[in-house]
């Protein structure tokens, strides 16, 4: 089943309506694109300049649901690298920008200056791969020195990432940025 709803009345202007589309996660991207296009054509709606934005979970699942904190995903899901993904027994292998966690959070805290990620694992950075330790407050290009002493990255305008890059590639119209994050 496809559900279309306006993002908000305040974001509607003129004849342009912005909306979100939720579909079963099992849909492959081409199926989502085809279903959306066919549905809109049946109702004589023209879609102009649309980009299907999605990310890919470590288990290969496609997700369009971004998250930045625990509790923002469905009960059977975990927030991994900014995406709501179905839980698996191997989630600990991917929460740090696609690499293995350095530990589990305890009461939303980690030891050794590590960050407690939205998935409840300890990593050098809240999202993405670390660029290493800050050297006199300096970091490689695309990273900034965080309070914990590690060089970390964020998406432009501090937007939540659409997961981690897989072999340098991201889904939809997102791009791979420093720290192995899709923005």
Foldseek 3Di string as FASTA:
>chain_A
DKDWDFPDPVPDDDPDTHIDIDDPQPDDPVRVVVVVVVVCVVVPHDDPPDWDDWWADPVRTIFPQFDFAAPSEPPQWFHAQGTTDGDDPCSQQQRALGGHFPAFADVLDDPLLFHQERRRTTDNDNHFHWQAFADVQDGPPQWGQDPSRITHHAPPVNDRFNGFADVQDTDIPWGQGPRRTTD
